Amino acid sequence: MESEHMQIGEVATRTELSLRTIRHYEEAGLVAPSARSQGGFRLYTETDVARLMVIRRMKPLGFALDQMRDLLEATDRLDTDTPVEPGERERLLEQVRGYEQAAQDRIADLRVQLSRAEDFAATLRRRLQAAGDPPSAP
C-alpha cells in the first residue's frame, strides 16, 4: 500500500505540470488528491502521479478532457480488484484499443507535421546561406 504522500508542488515538479493545471484537472474530475494534510493541503501518491502523466501525455495528442476521463475510467475499471464480467472486460479493452489507435494516428500526423517543419527550416537555412548569412547555432 502506498504510504508516502507528496504535496502538490512536488507533484508539479515531477509531472512538469503547473499547480494551476493540476488543480484544473482536479476540478474537471480527472484526478483527485488521495488525502489532505491536517492543514488542508492536497496530498498525492505515486498512483496519482501516474494518472497525471497519462493526462500529460494525452494532451499534446489533442485528446479532450472528456476523452481523458473516459480512458481513465476504463483503465480504472480494468485495474480494479473487483471482478469484471467478461463482456464488460472486452468492451473496456476495445475502448482502450480505440484510444491506442487514435494515439498512433495522431503520432503519424505529428510526424508528417514535423517533417514539413524541418523541410521549411532547411529551406530558410539554404536561403540564408545563399545570401551569405553565416549559419546560426542549432
Protein backbone atom coordinates (compact mmCIF):
# COMPACT_ATOMS: atom_id res chain seq x y z
CA MET A 1 0.00 0.00 0.00
CA GLU A 2 1.21 3.49 -0.79
CA SER A 3 2.06 5.42 2.33
CA GLU A 4 4.25 8.20 1.02
CA HIS A 5 2.34 11.33 0.14
CA MET A 6 3.55 14.33 -1.82
CA GLN A 7 2.31 17.87 -1.77
CA ILE A 8 1.13 19.46 -4.98
CA GLY A 9 4.41 21.33 -5.52
CA GLU A 10 6.41 18.11 -5.68
CA VAL A 11 3.80 16.56 -7.98
CA ALA A 12 4.02 19.61 -10.23
CA THR A 13 7.80 19.27 -10.41
CA ARG A 14 7.65 15.53 -11.13
CA THR A 15 4.96 15.82 -13.80
CA GLU A 16 6.16 19.13 -15.26
CA LEU A 17 2.61 20.45 -14.89
CA SER A 18 1.77 23.74 -13.25
CA LEU A 19 -0.09 23.91 -9.95
CA ARG A 20 -2.89 25.62 -11.82
CA THR A 21 -3.09 22.80 -14.38
CA ILE A 22 -3.19 20.12 -11.68
CA ARG A 23 -5.98 22.00 -9.91
CA HIS A 24 -7.82 22.34 -13.24
CA TYR A 25 -7.61 18.58 -13.79
CA GLU A 26 -8.91 18.08 -10.27
CA GLU A 27 -11.86 20.40 -10.95
CA ALA A 28 -12.52 18.52 -14.21
CA GLY A 29 -12.70 15.25 -12.27
CA LEU A 30 -9.63 13.68 -13.88
CA VAL A 31 -7.57 13.35 -10.72
CA ALA A 32 -8.20 13.81 -7.03
CA PRO A 33 -5.71 14.11 -4.20
CA SER A 34 -5.52 10.85 -2.28
CA ALA A 35 -5.55 12.69 1.03
CA ARG A 36 -5.36 16.07 2.70
CA SER A 37 -2.87 17.16 5.32
CA GLN A 38 -4.01 18.41 8.70
CA GLY A 39 -3.55 21.90 7.27
CA GLY A 40 -5.77 21.07 4.30
CA PHE A 41 -3.00 20.72 1.71
CA ARG A 42 -3.58 18.32 -1.17
CA LEU A 43 -1.57 15.11 -0.82
CA TYR A 44 -0.85 12.80 -3.74
CA THR A 45 0.56 9.30 -4.18
CA GLU A 46 2.61 7.63 -6.91
CA THR A 47 -0.67 6.38 -8.39
CA ASP A 48 -1.91 9.97 -8.63
CA VAL A 49 1.35 11.00 -10.33
CA ALA A 50 0.98 8.13 -12.82
CA ARG A 51 -2.58 9.27 -13.56
CA LEU A 52 -1.39 12.83 -14.19
CA MET A 53 1.31 11.52 -16.51
CA VAL A 54 -1.35 9.75 -18.59
CA ILE A 55 -3.21 13.05 -18.87
CA ARG A 56 0.00 14.92 -19.66
CA ARG A 57 0.81 12.51 -22.48
CA MET A 58 -2.71 12.69 -23.93
CA LYS A 59 -2.86 16.48 -24.01
CA PRO A 60 -0.32 17.14 -26.80
CA LEU A 61 -2.03 14.50 -28.91
CA GLY A 62 -5.18 16.62 -28.87
CA PHE A 63 -7.37 14.47 -26.66
CA ALA A 64 -10.22 16.38 -24.99
CA LEU A 65 -10.85 16.29 -21.24
CA ASP A 66 -13.89 14.05 -21.78
CA GLN A 67 -11.75 11.57 -23.71
CA MET A 68 -9.12 11.62 -20.97
CA ARG A 69 -11.81 10.98 -18.37
CA ASP A 70 -13.29 8.18 -20.49
CA LEU A 71 -9.93 6.42 -20.89
CA LEU A 72 -9.05 6.82 -17.22
CA GLU A 73 -12.41 5.40 -16.16
CA ALA A 74 -11.89 2.41 -18.47
CA THR A 75 -8.38 1.71 -17.18
CA ASP A 76 -9.51 2.24 -13.57
CA ARG A 77 -12.22 -0.36 -14.10
CA LEU A 78 -9.79 -2.81 -15.71
CA ASP A 79 -7.28 -2.29 -12.87
CA THR A 80 -9.79 -2.75 -10.07
CA ASP A 81 -9.61 -5.72 -7.72
CA THR A 82 -13.33 -6.23 -8.23
CA PRO A 83 -14.01 -8.89 -10.88
CA VAL A 84 -15.18 -7.54 -14.23
CA GLU A 85 -17.72 -9.52 -16.25
CA PRO A 86 -16.17 -10.96 -19.44
CA GLY A 87 -18.45 -8.89 -21.71
CA GLU A 88 -17.65 -5.69 -19.87
CA ARG A 89 -13.95 -6.53 -19.83
CA GLU A 90 -13.93 -6.97 -23.62
CA ARG A 91 -15.84 -3.69 -24.04
CA LEU A 92 -13.31 -1.87 -21.84
CA LEU A 93 -10.38 -3.43 -23.68
CA GLU A 94 -11.90 -2.40 -27.00
CA GLN A 95 -12.28 1.13 -25.66
CA VAL A 96 -8.60 1.22 -24.65
CA ARG A 97 -7.63 -0.24 -28.05
CA GLY A 98 -9.55 2.60 -29.69
CA TYR A 99 -7.55 5.18 -27.75
CA GLU A 100 -4.31 3.39 -28.58
CA GLN A 101 -5.18 3.51 -32.28
CA ALA A 102 -6.19 7.17 -32.04
CA ALA A 103 -2.84 7.93 -30.36
CA GLN A 104 -0.96 6.09 -33.12
CA ASP A 105 -2.90 8.02 -35.78
CA ARG A 106 -2.13 11.34 -34.10
CA ILE A 107 1.53 10.44 -33.76
CA ALA A 108 1.67 9.72 -37.50
CA ASP A 109 0.08 13.12 -38.20
CA LEU A 110 2.60 14.83 -35.93
CA ARG A 111 5.49 13.10 -37.71
CA VAL A 112 4.23 14.48 -41.02
CA GLN A 113 3.95 17.96 -39.50
CA LEU A 114 7.44 17.70 -38.01
CA SER A 115 8.88 16.60 -41.35
CA ARG A 116 7.26 19.57 -43.08
CA ALA A 117 8.55 21.93 -40.40
CA GLU A 118 12.08 20.55 -40.76
CA ASP A 119 11.87 20.96 -44.55
CA PHE A 120 10.73 24.55 -44.07
CA ALA A 121 13.58 25.32 -41.65
CA ALA A 122 16.08 23.74 -44.07
CA THR A 123 14.71 25.87 -46.91
CA LEU A 124 15.17 29.01 -44.84
CA ARG A 125 18.69 27.92 -43.83
CA ARG A 126 19.65 27.40 -47.50
CA ARG A 127 18.25 30.82 -48.45
CA LEU A 128 20.23 32.46 -45.66
CA GLN A 129 23.42 30.67 -46.71
CA ALA A 130 22.83 31.64 -50.35
CA ALA A 131 22.54 35.25 -49.19
CA GLY A 132 25.90 34.99 -47.40
CA ASP A 133 24.49 34.84 -43.87
CA PRO A 134 26.62 32.65 -41.58
CA PRO A 135 24.83 29.60 -40.13
CA SER A 136 23.31 30.06 -36.70
CA ALA A 137 23.78 27.64 -33.84
CA PRO A 138 21.09 24.95 -33.60
